């Protein structure tokens, strides 16, 4: 049985037993308190070993040590990475944390009896529902755990004890020193109120609307000729993105955008129009799909190096997102050869300036 089948079977057997009787608890609105941005929906979580094999498109990557959880990872095209730095004009120093800095974190804390409590970032993992009484004791991988000195466990949000381990949620501010925070301030997260979003605002298309306007209706892109055309040009262009310039409502026009990193825009559009006749926006970008894949794979290779990296994947049109515990000098040094301006960082430990 391959890893995908094993996960499907586990989710089917365990998840189905659990979902029906579970009520949704309020989720701490950590983004609001922390002042951070929301994680883009385009990200593909990937906790990967230094050496893994791509099983298939949207493959599963299994963490080192068979007891760890598999998560979705990027598909690689192979080939050397080399240095993709192009000036590094965005070093992200506003996120840089050094020993002695005042920092803030928000999220889950885990307190094992006889040990200092630790903060654990939100790591990618499959949503497995455990039967009543079968949930394992909370734990956090060592390379992602931050020791909290002076935390008051009586002031955490939604406290619970699972197999002797106390857990809950908190926001703390304190002084950073070597994966330890001396807590100076402690807050309870604000409960997020859930509202149903009926409609999404219109998308901003990076091309002017053609004379006569965008054609209404759908022209599917999943055609063999289109797939063959784009597969042959991964070193030149990005994957297509679907946008709704008039909003995603019935009958609204759909526009596919494709970024061209290398070569002439007009020539590419003319060639692509021979295999696709729908609404199309061709625009300039910095990195092709192949380059983005190589960068993302290189970030994945850092996940076993105790640098606190736990997520990577596409970010927007032509950047790679990096999810990490903290942006310190060690991580900055490791990421610099990839081109810091090619990356968008989402870090758990944020400096308070």
C-alpha atoms as a PDB file:
ATOM      1  CA  UNK A   1       0.000   0.000   0.000  1.00  0.00           C
ATOM      2  CA  UNK A   2       1.472   3.389  -0.968  1.00  0.00           C
ATOM      3  CA  UNK A   3       1.569   6.401   1.436  1.00  0.00           C
ATOM      4  CA  UNK A   4      -1.436   8.069  -0.204  1.00  0.00           C
ATOM      5  CA  UNK A   5      -3.617   4.980   0.270  1.00  0.00           C
ATOM      6  CA  UNK A   6      -2.516   4.646   3.888  1.00  0.00           C
ATOM      7  CA  UNK A   7      -3.478   8.240   4.657  1.00  0.00           C
ATOM      8  CA  UNK A   8      -6.817   7.876   2.858  1.00  0.00           C
ATOM      9  CA  UNK A   9      -7.623   4.735   4.827  1.00  0.00           C
ATOM     10  CA  UNK A  10      -6.627   6.350   8.125  1.00  0.00           C
ATOM     11  CA  UNK A  11      -8.674   9.453   7.443  1.00  0.00           C
ATOM     12  CA  UNK A  12     -11.676   7.381   6.375  1.00  0.00           C
ATOM     13  CA  UNK A  13     -11.661   5.104   9.402  1.00  0.00           C
ATOM     14  CA  UNK A  14     -10.661   7.555  12.128  1.00  0.00           C
ATOM     15  CA  UNK A  15     -12.129  10.755  10.750  1.00  0.00           C
ATOM     16  CA  UNK A  16     -15.580   9.393   9.979  1.00  0.00           C
ATOM     17  CA  UNK A  17     -15.990   8.112  13.547  1.00  0.00           C
ATOM     18  CA  UNK A  18     -15.076  11.445  14.988  1.00  0.00           C
ATOM     19  CA  UNK A  19     -16.578  14.206  12.873  1.00  0.00           C
ATOM     20  CA  UNK A  20     -20.259  13.581  13.448  1.00  0.00           C
ATOM     21  CA  UNK A  21     -20.264  14.225  17.180  1.00  0.00           C
ATOM     22  CA  UNK A  22     -17.769  17.067  17.338  1.00  0.00           C
ATOM     23  CA  UNK A  23     -18.718  20.689  17.913  1.00  0.00           C
ATOM     24  CA  UNK A  24     -16.478  23.441  16.612  1.00  0.00           C
ATOM     25  CA  UNK A  25     -14.745  25.407  19.367  1.00  0.00           C
ATOM     26  CA  UNK A  26     -14.034  29.131  18.951  1.00  0.00           C
ATOM     27  CA  UNK A  27     -10.705  29.666  17.275  1.00  0.00           C
ATOM     28  CA  UNK A  28      -8.301  32.189  18.802  1.00  0.00           C
ATOM     29  CA  UNK A  29      -7.933  35.183  16.495  1.00  0.00           C
ATOM     30  CA  UNK A  30      -4.152  35.235  16.725  1.00  0.00           C
ATOM     31  CA  UNK A  31      -3.715  37.183  13.479  1.00  0.00           C
ATOM     32  CA  UNK A  32      -5.711  40.065  14.931  1.00  0.00           C
ATOM     33  CA  UNK A  33      -3.721  40.197  18.170  1.00  0.00           C
ATOM     34  CA  UNK A  34      -0.332  39.584  16.579  1.00  0.00           C
ATOM     35  CA  UNK A  35      -0.893  42.083  13.801  1.00  0.00           C
ATOM     36  CA  UNK A  36       0.328  39.565  11.256  1.00  0.00           C
ATOM     37  CA  UNK A  37      -0.962  38.893   7.806  1.00  0.00           C
ATOM     38  CA  UNK A  38      -3.156  35.981   6.898  1.00  0.00           C
ATOM     39  CA  UNK A  39      -1.399  33.035   5.348  1.00  0.00           C
ATOM     40  CA  UNK A  40      -2.114  32.913   1.621  1.00  0.00           C
ATOM     41  CA  UNK A  41      -4.398  30.146   0.488  1.00  0.00           C
ATOM     42  CA  UNK A  42      -1.943  29.199  -2.248  1.00  0.00           C
ATOM     43  CA  UNK A  43       0.561  27.737   0.187  1.00  0.00           C
ATOM     44  CA  UNK A  44       1.183  24.014   0.079  1.00  0.00           C
ATOM     45  CA  UNK A  45       2.454  22.743   3.447  1.00  0.00           C
ATOM     46  CA  UNK A  46       5.607  20.649   3.184  1.00  0.00           C
ATOM     47  CA  UNK A  47       7.478  19.140   6.111  1.00  0.00           C
ATOM     48  CA  UNK A  48      10.149  17.250   4.235  1.00  0.00           C
ATOM     49  CA  UNK A  49      13.258  15.202   4.886  1.00  0.00           C
ATOM     50  CA  UNK A  50      16.575  16.171   3.370  1.00  0.00           C
ATOM     51  CA  UNK A  51      16.009  13.496   0.777  1.00  0.00           C
ATOM     52  CA  UNK A  52      12.520  12.562  -0.403  1.00  0.00           C
ATOM     53  CA  UNK A  53      10.876  11.194  -3.523  1.00  0.00           C
ATOM     54  CA  UNK A  54       8.030  12.859  -5.397  1.00  0.00           C
ATOM     55  CA  UNK A  55       5.275  10.263  -5.373  1.00  0.00           C
ATOM     56  CA  UNK A  56       2.912  12.103  -7.756  1.00  0.00           C
ATOM     57  CA  UNK A  57       1.423  15.520  -8.357  1.00  0.00           C
ATOM     58  CA  UNK A  58       0.503  17.015  -4.974  1.00  0.00           C
ATOM     59  CA  UNK A  59       2.564  14.186  -3.537  1.00  0.00           C
ATOM     60  CA  UNK A  60       2.784  13.213   0.107  1.00  0.00           C
ATOM     61  CA  UNK A  61       6.129  13.687   1.800  1.00  0.00           C
ATOM     62  CA  UNK A  62       6.792  11.582   4.882  1.00  0.00           C
ATOM     63  CA  UNK A  63       8.794  13.111   7.677  1.00  0.00           C
ATOM     64  CA  UNK A  64      11.974  11.361   8.804  1.00  0.00           C
ATOM     65  CA  UNK A  65      10.994   8.782  11.377  1.00  0.00           C
ATOM     66  CA  UNK A  66       7.987   6.689  10.466  1.00  0.00           C
ATOM     67  CA  UNK A  67       5.906   7.963  13.364  1.00  0.00           C
ATOM     68  CA  UNK A  68       5.681  11.483  11.993  1.00  0.00           C
ATOM     69  CA  UNK A  69       2.701  12.786  10.041  1.00  0.00           C
ATOM     70  CA  UNK A  70       2.713  13.018   6.204  1.00  0.00           C
ATOM     71  CA  UNK A  71       1.808  16.315   4.612  1.00  0.00           C
ATOM     72  CA  UNK A  72       1.374  17.598   1.086  1.00  0.00           C
ATOM     73  CA  UNK A  73       4.584  18.697  -0.571  1.00  0.00           C
ATOM     74  CA  UNK A  74       5.712  20.326  -3.813  1.00  0.00           C
ATOM     75  CA  UNK A  75       6.525  18.272  -6.886  1.00  0.00           C
ATOM     76  CA  UNK A  76      10.089  18.779  -8.057  1.00  0.00           C
ATOM     77  CA  UNK A  77      11.522  18.716 -11.540  1.00  0.00           C
ATOM     78  CA  UNK A  78      15.043  17.913 -10.442  1.00  0.00           C
ATOM     79  CA  UNK A  79      18.257  19.590 -11.479  1.00  0.00           C
ATOM     80  CA  UNK A  80      20.772  21.674  -9.534  1.00  0.00           C
ATOM     81  CA  UNK A  81      19.559  24.678  -7.628  1.00  0.00           C
ATOM     82  CA  UNK A  82      22.573  26.940  -7.675  1.00  0.00           C
ATOM     83  CA  UNK A  83      22.322  30.528  -6.492  1.00  0.00           C
ATOM     84  CA  UNK A  84      19.170  32.334  -7.579  1.00  0.00           C
ATOM     85  CA  UNK A  85      20.025  35.534  -5.714  1.00  0.00           C
ATOM     86  CA  UNK A  86      19.271  38.588  -7.825  1.00  0.00           C
ATOM     87  CA  UNK A  87      20.440  41.470  -5.693  1.00  0.00           C
ATOM     88  CA  UNK A  88      18.539  40.482  -2.547  1.00  0.00           C
ATOM     89  CA  UNK A  89      16.797  43.833  -2.401  1.00  0.00           C
ATOM     90  CA  UNK A  90      14.321  42.649   0.264  1.00  0.00           C
ATOM     91  CA  UNK A  91      16.330  41.133   3.130  1.00  0.00           C
ATOM     92  CA  UNK A  92      13.305  41.086   5.486  1.00  0.00           C
ATOM     93  CA  UNK A  93      15.351  42.691   8.265  1.00  0.00           C
ATOM     94  CA  UNK A  94      12.146  44.051   9.807  1.00  0.00           C
ATOM     95  CA  UNK A  95      11.516  40.438  10.912  1.00  0.00           C
ATOM     96  CA  UNK A  96      15.067  39.695  12.053  1.00  0.00           C
ATOM     97  CA  UNK A  97      15.356  38.529  15.678  1.00  0.00           C
ATOM     98  CA  UNK A  98      18.546  38.511  17.750  1.00  0.00           C
ATOM     99  CA  UNK A  99      19.226  37.489  21.348  1.00  0.00           C
ATOM    100  CA  UNK A 100      18.039  40.218  23.704  1.00  0.00           C
ATOM    101  CA  UNK A 101      15.269  41.421  21.379  1.00  0.00           C
ATOM    102  CA  UNK A 102      11.734  41.926  22.607  1.00  0.00           C
ATOM    103  CA  UNK A 103       9.440  39.503  20.750  1.00  0.00           C
ATOM    104  CA  UNK A 104       5.839  38.328  20.665  1.00  0.00           C
ATOM    105  CA  UNK A 105       4.344  34.909  19.914  1.00  0.00           C
ATOM    106  CA  UNK A 106       0.795  33.652  19.969  1.00  0.00           C
ATOM    107  CA  UNK A 107      -0.598  30.162  19.760  1.00  0.00           C
ATOM    108  CA  UNK A 108      -0.523  26.821  21.486  1.00  0.00           C
ATOM    109  CA  UNK A 109       1.472  26.137  24.623  1.00  0.00           C
ATOM    110  CA  UNK A 110       2.326  22.667  25.903  1.00  0.00           C
ATOM    111  CA  UNK A 111       3.328  21.958  29.496  1.00  0.00           C
ATOM    112  CA  UNK A 112       4.797  18.531  30.243  1.00  0.00           C
ATOM    113  CA  UNK A 113       5.017  17.815  33.991  1.00  0.00           C
ATOM    114  CA  UNK A 114       8.492  18.539  35.329  1.00  0.00           C
ATOM    115  CA  UNK A 115       9.456  20.768  32.382  1.00  0.00           C
ATOM    116  CA  UNK A 116       9.051  24.424  31.450  1.00  0.00           C
ATOM    117  CA  UNK A 117       6.075  25.033  29.152  1.00  0.00           C
ATOM    118  CA  UNK A 118       6.865  25.526  25.482  1.00  0.00           C
ATOM    119  CA  UNK A 119       5.252  27.484  22.690  1.00  0.00           C
ATOM    120  CA  UNK A 120       4.651  25.416  19.536  1.00  0.00           C
ATOM    121  CA  UNK A 121       3.796  27.065  16.193  1.00  0.00           C
ATOM    122  CA  UNK A 122       0.947  25.812  14.046  1.00  0.00           C
ATOM    123  CA  UNK A 123       2.637  23.024  12.104  1.00  0.00           C
ATOM    124  CA  UNK A 124       1.136  21.392   9.004  1.00  0.00           C
ATOM    125  CA  UNK A 125      -0.599  18.121   9.802  1.00  0.00           C
ATOM    126  CA  UNK A 126      -3.567  16.139   8.486  1.00  0.00           C
ATOM    127  CA  UNK A 127      -6.885  16.712  10.250  1.00  0.00           C
ATOM    128  CA  UNK A 128      -7.201  13.314  11.885  1.00  0.00           C
ATOM    129  CA  UNK A 129     -10.048  12.873  14.344  1.00  0.00           C
ATOM    130  CA  UNK A 130      -9.165  10.708  17.306  1.00  0.00           C
ATOM    131  CA  UNK A 131     -11.814   8.557  19.003  1.00  0.00           C
ATOM    132  CA  UNK A 132     -12.708   9.618  22.522  1.00  0.00           C
ATOM    133  CA  UNK A 133      -9.807   8.840  24.823  1.00  0.00           C
ATOM    134  CA  UNK A 134      -7.502   7.935  21.940  1.00  0.00           C
ATOM    135  CA  UNK A 135      -5.896  11.331  21.406  1.00  0.00           C
ATOM    136  CA  UNK A 136      -2.135  11.245  22.120  1.00  0.00           C
ATOM    137  CA  UNK A 137      -0.508  13.592  24.609  1.00  0.00           C
ATOM    138  CA  UNK A 138       0.347  16.962  23.022  1.00  0.00           C
ATOM    139  CA  UNK A 139       3.960  17.333  21.927  1.00  0.00           C
ATOM    140  CA  UNK A 140       6.117  19.645  19.844  1.00  0.00           C
ATOM    141  CA  UNK A 141       9.176  18.706  17.743  1.00  0.00           C
ATOM    142  CA  UNK A 142      12.304  20.015  19.450  1.00  0.00           C
ATOM    143  CA  UNK A 143      13.403  22.231  16.556  1.00  0.00           C
ATOM    144  CA  UNK A 144      10.119  24.164  16.692  1.00  0.00           C
ATOM    145  CA  UNK A 145       9.642  24.431  20.478  1.00  0.00           C
ATOM    146  CA  UNK A 146      10.282  27.705  22.327  1.00  0.00           C
ATOM    147  CA  UNK A 147      10.739  27.490  26.096  1.00  0.00           C
ATOM    148  CA  UNK A 148       8.578  29.978  28.013  1.00  0.00           C
ATOM    149  CA  UNK A 149      10.099  31.134  31.296  1.00  0.00           C
ATOM    150  CA  UNK A 150       7.622  32.677  33.717  1.00  0.00           C
ATOM    151  CA  UNK A 151       4.397  31.659  31.958  1.00  0.00           C
ATOM    152  CA  UNK A 152       1.306  31.483  34.190  1.00  0.00           C
ATOM    153  CA  UNK A 153      -0.536  28.311  33.166  1.00  0.00           C
ATOM    154  CA  UNK A 154      -3.590  29.490  35.088  1.00  0.00           C
ATOM    155  CA  UNK A 155      -4.053  32.291  32.548  1.00  0.00           C
ATOM    156  CA  UNK A 156      -4.128  30.374  29.276  1.00  0.00           C
ATOM    157  CA  UNK A 157      -7.106  30.168  26.925  1.00  0.00           C
ATOM    158  CA  UNK A 158      -9.087  26.920  26.591  1.00  0.00           C
ATOM    159  CA  UNK A 159      -6.888  24.966  29.019  1.00  0.00           C
ATOM    160  CA  UNK A 160      -7.141  21.201  28.955  1.00  0.00           C
ATOM    161  CA  UNK A 161      -5.105  18.258  30.168  1.00  0.00           C
ATOM    162  CA  UNK A 162      -4.529  15.298  27.855  1.00  0.00           C
ATOM    163  CA  UNK A 163      -2.770  12.263  29.276  1.00  0.00           C
ATOM    164  CA  UNK A 164      -1.183  14.405  31.973  1.00  0.00           C
ATOM    165  CA  UNK A 165       0.035  17.142  29.605  1.00  0.00           C
ATOM    166  CA  UNK A 166      -1.519  20.592  29.988  1.00  0.00           C
ATOM    167  CA  UNK A 167      -2.191  22.642  26.875  1.00  0.00           C
ATOM    168  CA  UNK A 168      -3.998  25.805  25.796  1.00  0.00           C
ATOM    169  CA  UNK A 169      -3.507  29.067  23.931  1.00  0.00           C
ATOM    170  CA  UNK A 170      -1.793  32.296  24.881  1.00  0.00           C
ATOM    171  CA  UNK A 171      -0.078  35.401  23.547  1.00  0.00           C
ATOM    172  CA  UNK A 172       3.152  36.354  25.253  1.00  0.00           C
ATOM    173  CA  UNK A 173       5.642  39.176  24.939  1.00  0.00           C
ATOM    174  CA  UNK A 174       9.128  38.815  26.321  1.00  0.00           C
ATOM    175  CA  UNK A 175      12.874  38.745  25.776  1.00  0.00           C
ATOM    176  CA  UNK A 176      14.316  36.294  23.245  1.00  0.00           C
ATOM    177  CA  UNK A 177      17.440  34.273  23.916  1.00  0.00           C
ATOM    178  CA  UNK A 178      18.324  31.049  22.126  1.00  0.00           C
ATOM    179  CA  UNK A 179      14.847  29.523  21.616  1.00  0.00           C
ATOM    180  CA  UNK A 180      13.748  30.783  25.045  1.00  0.00           C
ATOM    181  CA  UNK A 181      11.447  33.679  25.926  1.00  0.00           C
ATOM    182  CA  UNK A 182      11.505  35.356  29.331  1.00  0.00           C
ATOM    183  CA  UNK A 183       7.813  36.226  29.598  1.00  0.00           C
ATOM    184  CA  UNK A 184       7.125  39.879  30.437  1.00  0.00           C
ATOM    185  CA  UNK A 185       3.474  40.081  29.395  1.00  0.00           C
ATOM    186  CA  UNK A 186       0.757  37.474  28.889  1.00  0.00           C
ATOM    187  CA  UNK A 187      -2.636  37.831  27.187  1.00  0.00           C
ATOM    188  CA  UNK A 188      -5.625  35.643  26.413  1.00  0.00           C
ATOM    189  CA  UNK A 189      -6.404  35.502  22.665  1.00  0.00           C
ATOM    190  CA  UNK A 190      -9.585  37.155  21.425  1.00  0.00           C
ATOM    191  CA  UNK A 191     -12.212  34.680  20.234  1.00  0.00           C
ATOM    192  CA  UNK A 192     -12.795  34.920  16.497  1.00  0.00           C
ATOM    193  CA  UNK A 193     -16.366  35.476  15.372  1.00  0.00           C
ATOM    194  CA  UNK A 194     -17.367  33.458  12.329  1.00  0.00           C
ATOM    195  CA  UNK A 195     -19.290  35.087   9.486  1.00  0.00           C
ATOM    196  CA  UNK A 196     -20.305  33.555   6.180  1.00  0.00           C
ATOM    197  CA  UNK A 197     -18.703  35.367   3.275  1.00  0.00           C
ATOM    198  CA  UNK A 198     -21.345  35.425   0.551  1.00  0.00           C
ATOM    199  CA  UNK A 199     -19.308  36.944  -2.274  1.00  0.00           C
ATOM    200  CA  UNK A 200     -15.673  37.715  -2.969  1.00  0.00           C
ATOM    201  CA  UNK A 201     -14.585  41.096  -4.337  1.00  0.00           C
ATOM    202  CA  UNK A 202     -13.527  41.264  -7.996  1.00  0.00           C
ATOM    203  CA  UNK A 203      -9.985  40.131  -8.724  1.00  0.00           C
ATOM    204  CA  UNK A 204      -7.410  42.578 -10.013  1.00  0.00           C
ATOM    205  CA  UNK A 205      -6.196  41.318 -13.392  1.00  0.00           C
ATOM    206  CA  UNK A 206      -2.659  42.516 -14.292  1.00  0.00           C
ATOM    207  CA  UNK A 207      -3.740  43.282 -17.877  1.00  0.00           C
ATOM    208  CA  UNK A 208      -6.111  45.912 -19.286  1.00  0.00           C
ATOM    209  CA  UNK A 209      -9.565  44.715 -20.270  1.00  0.00           C
ATOM    210  CA  UNK A 210      -9.693  44.118 -24.035  1.00  0.00           C
ATOM    211  CA  UNK A 211     -11.798  46.242 -26.370  1.00  0.00           C
ATOM    212  CA  UNK A 212     -15.327  44.896 -26.092  1.00  0.00           C
ATOM    213  CA  UNK A 213     -14.697  43.495 -22.623  1.00  0.00           C
ATOM    214  CA  UNK A 214     -13.958  40.029 -21.301  1.00  0.00           C
ATOM    215  CA  UNK A 215     -15.988  37.208 -22.806  1.00  0.00           C
ATOM    216  CA  UNK A 216     -18.569  35.793 -20.416  1.00  0.00           C
ATOM    217  CA  UNK A 217     -18.844  32.148 -19.536  1.00  0.00           C
ATOM    218  CA  UNK A 218     -16.189  29.498 -19.087  1.00  0.00           C
ATOM    219  CA  UNK A 219     -13.475  28.207 -21.376  1.00  0.00           C
ATOM    220  CA  UNK A 220     -11.806  25.386 -19.422  1.00  0.00           C
ATOM    221  CA  UNK A 221      -8.042  25.335 -19.430  1.00  0.00           C
ATOM    222  CA  UNK A 222      -7.735  21.618 -18.649  1.00  0.00           C
ATOM    223  CA  UNK A 223      -7.258  20.528 -22.247  1.00  0.00           C
ATOM    224  CA  UNK A 224      -4.523  18.139 -23.478  1.00  0.00           C
ATOM    225  CA  UNK A 225      -3.125  20.646 -25.975  1.00  0.00           C
ATOM    226  CA  UNK A 226      -2.903  23.361 -23.312  1.00  0.00           C
ATOM    227  CA  UNK A 227      -1.236  21.021 -20.807  1.00  0.00           C
ATOM    228  CA  UNK A 228       1.337  19.890 -23.372  1.00  0.00           C
ATOM    229  CA  UNK A 229       2.079  23.493 -24.369  1.00  0.00           C
ATOM    230  CA  UNK A 230       2.679  24.654 -20.791  1.00  0.00           C
ATOM    231  CA  UNK A 231       4.570  21.533 -19.706  1.00  0.00           C
ATOM    232  CA  UNK A 232       7.078  22.182 -22.470  1.00  0.00           C
ATOM    233  CA  UNK A 233       7.676  25.735 -21.203  1.00  0.00           C
ATOM    234  CA  UNK A 234       8.133  25.337 -17.436  1.00  0.00           C
ATOM    235  CA  UNK A 235      11.499  27.118 -17.687  1.00  0.00           C
ATOM    236  CA  UNK A 236       9.784  30.115 -19.260  1.00  0.00           C
ATOM    237  CA  UNK A 237       6.388  30.653 -17.605  1.00  0.00           C
ATOM    238  CA  UNK A 238       4.401  30.169 -14.410  1.00  0.00           C
ATOM    239  CA  UNK A 239       1.357  28.010 -13.862  1.00  0.00           C
ATOM    240  CA  UNK A 240      -1.927  29.671 -14.900  1.00  0.00           C
ATOM    241  CA  UNK A 241      -4.052  31.439 -12.301  1.00  0.00           C
ATOM    242  CA  UNK A 242      -7.826  31.826 -12.553  1.00  0.00           C
ATOM    243  CA  UNK A 243      -9.206  35.295 -11.800  1.00  0.00           C
ATOM    244  CA  UNK A 244     -12.688  36.820 -11.798  1.00  0.00           C
ATOM    245  CA  UNK A 245     -12.450  40.503 -12.831  1.00  0.00           C
ATOM    246  CA  UNK A 246     -16.205  41.016 -12.292  1.00  0.00           C
ATOM    247  CA  UNK A 247     -16.420  38.884  -9.165  1.00  0.00           C
ATOM    248  CA  UNK A 248     -17.072  35.167  -8.803  1.00  0.00           C
ATOM    249  CA  UNK A 249     -20.787  35.129  -9.565  1.00  0.00           C
ATOM    250  CA  UNK A 250     -22.789  32.992 -12.000  1.00  0.00           C
ATOM    251  CA  UNK A 251     -22.147  33.976 -15.610  1.00  0.00           C
ATOM    252  CA  UNK A 252     -19.208  36.240 -14.769  1.00  0.00           C
ATOM    253  CA  UNK A 253     -16.160  36.148 -17.052  1.00  0.00           C
ATOM    254  CA  UNK A 254     -13.161  34.030 -16.117  1.00  0.00           C
ATOM    255  CA  UNK A 255      -9.643  35.157 -16.987  1.00  0.00           C
ATOM    256  CA  UNK A 256      -6.564  32.959 -16.875  1.00  0.00           C
ATOM    257  CA  UNK A 257      -3.301  34.756 -16.194  1.00  0.00           C
ATOM    258  CA  UNK A 258       0.105  33.367 -17.090  1.00  0.00           C
ATOM    259  CA  UNK A 259       3.372  34.980 -16.048  1.00  0.00           C
ATOM    260  CA  UNK A 260       6.250  34.992 -18.510  1.00  0.00           C
ATOM    261  CA  UNK A 261       9.686  35.159 -16.902  1.00  0.00           C
ATOM    262  CA  UNK A 262      11.799  34.730 -20.031  1.00  0.00           C
ATOM    263  CA  UNK A 263      11.184  35.532 -23.676  1.00  0.00           C
ATOM    264  CA  UNK A 264       8.876  37.847 -25.576  1.00  0.00           C
ATOM    265  CA  UNK A 265       5.373  38.385 -24.182  1.00  0.00           C
ATOM    266  CA  UNK A 266       3.706  38.943 -27.532  1.00  0.00           C
ATOM    267  CA  UNK A 267       5.333  35.893 -29.080  1.00  0.00           C
ATOM    268  CA  UNK A 268       4.205  33.691 -26.200  1.00  0.00           C
ATOM    269  CA  UNK A 269       0.650  35.008 -26.352  1.00  0.00           C
ATOM    270  CA  UNK A 270       0.444  34.430 -30.096  1.00  0.00           C
ATOM    271  CA  UNK A 271       1.661  30.858 -29.719  1.00  0.00           C
ATOM    272  CA  UNK A 272      -0.616  30.109 -26.765  1.00  0.00           C
ATOM    273  CA  UNK A 273      -3.671  31.522 -28.562  1.00  0.00           C
ATOM    274  CA  UNK A 274      -3.363  28.625 -31.004  1.00  0.00           C
ATOM    275  CA  UNK A 275      -4.264  26.135 -28.244  1.00  0.00           C
ATOM    276  CA  UNK A 276      -6.485  28.282 -25.994  1.00  0.00           C
ATOM    277  CA  UNK A 277      -9.223  30.698 -27.081  1.00  0.00           C
ATOM    278  CA  UNK A 278     -10.585  31.899 -23.732  1.00  0.00           C
ATOM    279  CA  UNK A 279      -9.876  35.096 -21.803  1.00  0.00           C
ATOM    280  CA  UNK A 280      -6.137  35.377 -21.286  1.00  0.00           C
ATOM    281  CA  UNK A 281      -3.775  37.771 -19.536  1.00  0.00           C
ATOM    282  CA  UNK A 282      -0.062  37.334 -20.267  1.00  0.00           C
ATOM    283  CA  UNK A 283       2.203  39.443 -18.054  1.00  0.00           C
ATOM    284  CA  UNK A 284       5.839  39.740 -16.995  1.00  0.00           C
ATOM    285  CA  UNK A 285       7.122  38.002 -13.846  1.00  0.00           C
ATOM    286  CA  UNK A 286      10.559  37.383 -12.358  1.00  0.00           C
ATOM    287  CA  UNK A 287      10.585  33.595 -11.945  1.00  0.00           C
ATOM    288  CA  UNK A 288       9.310  30.675 -13.998  1.00  0.00           C
ATOM    289  CA  UNK A 289       7.604  27.572 -12.637  1.00  0.00           C
ATOM    290  CA  UNK A 290      10.863  25.610 -12.844  1.00  0.00           C
ATOM    291  CA  UNK A 291      12.757  28.297 -10.922  1.00  0.00           C
ATOM    292  CA  UNK A 292      10.051  28.501  -8.261  1.00  0.00           C
ATOM    293  CA  UNK A 293      10.129  24.722  -7.893  1.00  0.00           C
ATOM    294  CA  UNK A 294      13.910  24.692  -7.452  1.00  0.00           C
ATOM    295  CA  UNK A 295      13.726  27.395  -4.785  1.00  0.00           C
ATOM    296  CA  UNK A 296      10.899  25.631  -2.952  1.00  0.00           C
ATOM    297  CA  UNK A 297      12.819  22.348  -3.053  1.00  0.00           C
ATOM    298  CA  UNK A 298      15.900  24.073  -1.630  1.00  0.00           C
ATOM    299  CA  UNK A 299      13.818  25.534   1.197  1.00  0.00           C
ATOM    300  CA  UNK A 300      12.499  22.028   1.853  1.00  0.00           C
ATOM    301  CA  UNK A 301      16.077  20.806   2.173  1.00  0.00           C
ATOM    302  CA  UNK A 302      16.515  23.199   5.129  1.00  0.00           C
ATOM    303  CA  UNK A 303      13.772  21.550   7.165  1.00  0.00           C
ATOM    304  CA  UNK A 304      16.102  18.994   8.724  1.00  0.00           C
ATOM    305  CA  UNK A 305      18.800  21.506   9.639  1.00  0.00           C
ATOM    306  CA  UNK A 306      17.345  22.807  12.940  1.00  0.00           C
ATOM    307  CA  UNK A 307      16.546  26.179  11.382  1.00  0.00           C
ATOM    308  CA  UNK A 308      12.873  26.121  12.344  1.00  0.00           C
ATOM    309  CA  UNK A 309      11.533  25.937   8.769  1.00  0.00           C
ATOM    310  CA  UNK A 310       8.262  24.020   8.552  1.00  0.00           C
ATOM    311  CA  UNK A 311       6.438  25.170   5.414  1.00  0.00           C
ATOM    312  CA  UNK A 312       7.173  26.136   1.841  1.00  0.00           C
ATOM    313  CA  UNK A 313       5.140  26.613  -1.306  1.00  0.00           C
ATOM    314  CA  UNK A 314       4.017  29.081  -3.973  1.00  0.00           C
ATOM    315  CA  UNK A 315       3.271  32.597  -2.765  1.00  0.00           C
ATOM    316  CA  UNK A 316       1.362  34.849  -5.113  1.00  0.00           C
ATOM    317  CA  UNK A 317       2.530  34.836  -8.710  1.00  0.00           C
ATOM    318  CA  UNK A 318       6.294  34.484  -8.619  1.00  0.00           C
ATOM    319  CA  UNK A 319       7.521  34.131  -5.056  1.00  0.00           C
ATOM    320  CA  UNK A 320       8.073  31.232  -2.693  1.00  0.00           C
ATOM    321  CA  UNK A 321       6.557  31.345   0.769  1.00  0.00           C
ATOM    322  CA  UNK A 322       8.597  30.209   3.763  1.00  0.00           C
ATOM    323  CA  UNK A 323       6.970  29.364   7.076  1.00  0.00           C
ATOM    324  CA  UNK A 324       9.450  29.335   9.946  1.00  0.00           C
ATOM    325  CA  UNK A 325       9.676  29.617  13.705  1.00  0.00           C
ATOM    326  CA  UNK A 326      11.951  32.651  13.713  1.00  0.00           C
ATOM    327  CA  UNK A 327      13.938  34.693  11.208  1.00  0.00           C
ATOM    328  CA  UNK A 328      17.354  34.831  12.837  1.00  0.00           C
ATOM    329  CA  UNK A 329      20.849  35.257  11.423  1.00  0.00           C
ATOM    330  CA  UNK A 330      21.222  31.508  10.848  1.00  0.00           C
ATOM    331  CA  UNK A 331      18.063  31.301   8.737  1.00  0.00           C
ATOM    332  CA  UNK A 332      18.900  34.512   6.892  1.00  0.00           C
ATOM    333  CA  UNK A 333      22.307  33.091   5.964  1.00  0.00           C
ATOM    334  CA  UNK A 334      20.740  29.843   4.748  1.00  0.00           C
ATOM    335  CA  UNK A 335      18.102  31.612   2.634  1.00  0.00           C
ATOM    336  CA  UNK A 336      20.334  34.284   1.104  1.00  0.00           C
ATOM    337  CA  UNK A 337      21.675  32.103  -1.769  1.00  0.00           C
ATOM    338  CA  UNK A 338      18.073  31.587  -2.913  1.00  0.00           C
ATOM    339  CA  UNK A 339      17.505  35.322  -3.281  1.00  0.00           C
ATOM    340  CA  UNK A 340      15.744  36.912  -0.326  1.00  0.00           C
ATOM    341  CA  UNK A 341      13.671  39.014  -2.718  1.00  0.00           C
ATOM    342  CA  UNK A 342      12.298  35.771  -4.169  1.00  0.00           C
ATOM    343  CA  UNK A 343      10.828  34.808  -0.787  1.00  0.00           C
ATOM    344  CA  UNK A 344       7.924  35.825   1.421  1.00  0.00           C
ATOM    345  CA  UNK A 345       8.394  35.011   5.102  1.00  0.00           C
ATOM    346  CA  UNK A 346       5.704  33.989   7.583  1.00  0.00           C
ATOM    347  CA  UNK A 347       7.344  33.661  10.994  1.00  0.00           C
ATOM    348  CA  UNK A 348       5.861  32.719  14.351  1.00  0.00           C
ATOM    349  CA  UNK A 349       8.238  34.763  16.530  1.00  0.00           C
ATOM    350  CA  UNK A 350       7.816  38.432  15.661  1.00  0.00           C
ATOM    351  CA  UNK A 351      10.063  41.226  16.915  1.00  0.00           C
ATOM    352  CA  UNK A 352       8.469  44.088  18.834  1.00  0.00           C
ATOM    353  CA  UNK A 353      10.272  47.254  17.773  1.00  0.00           C
END
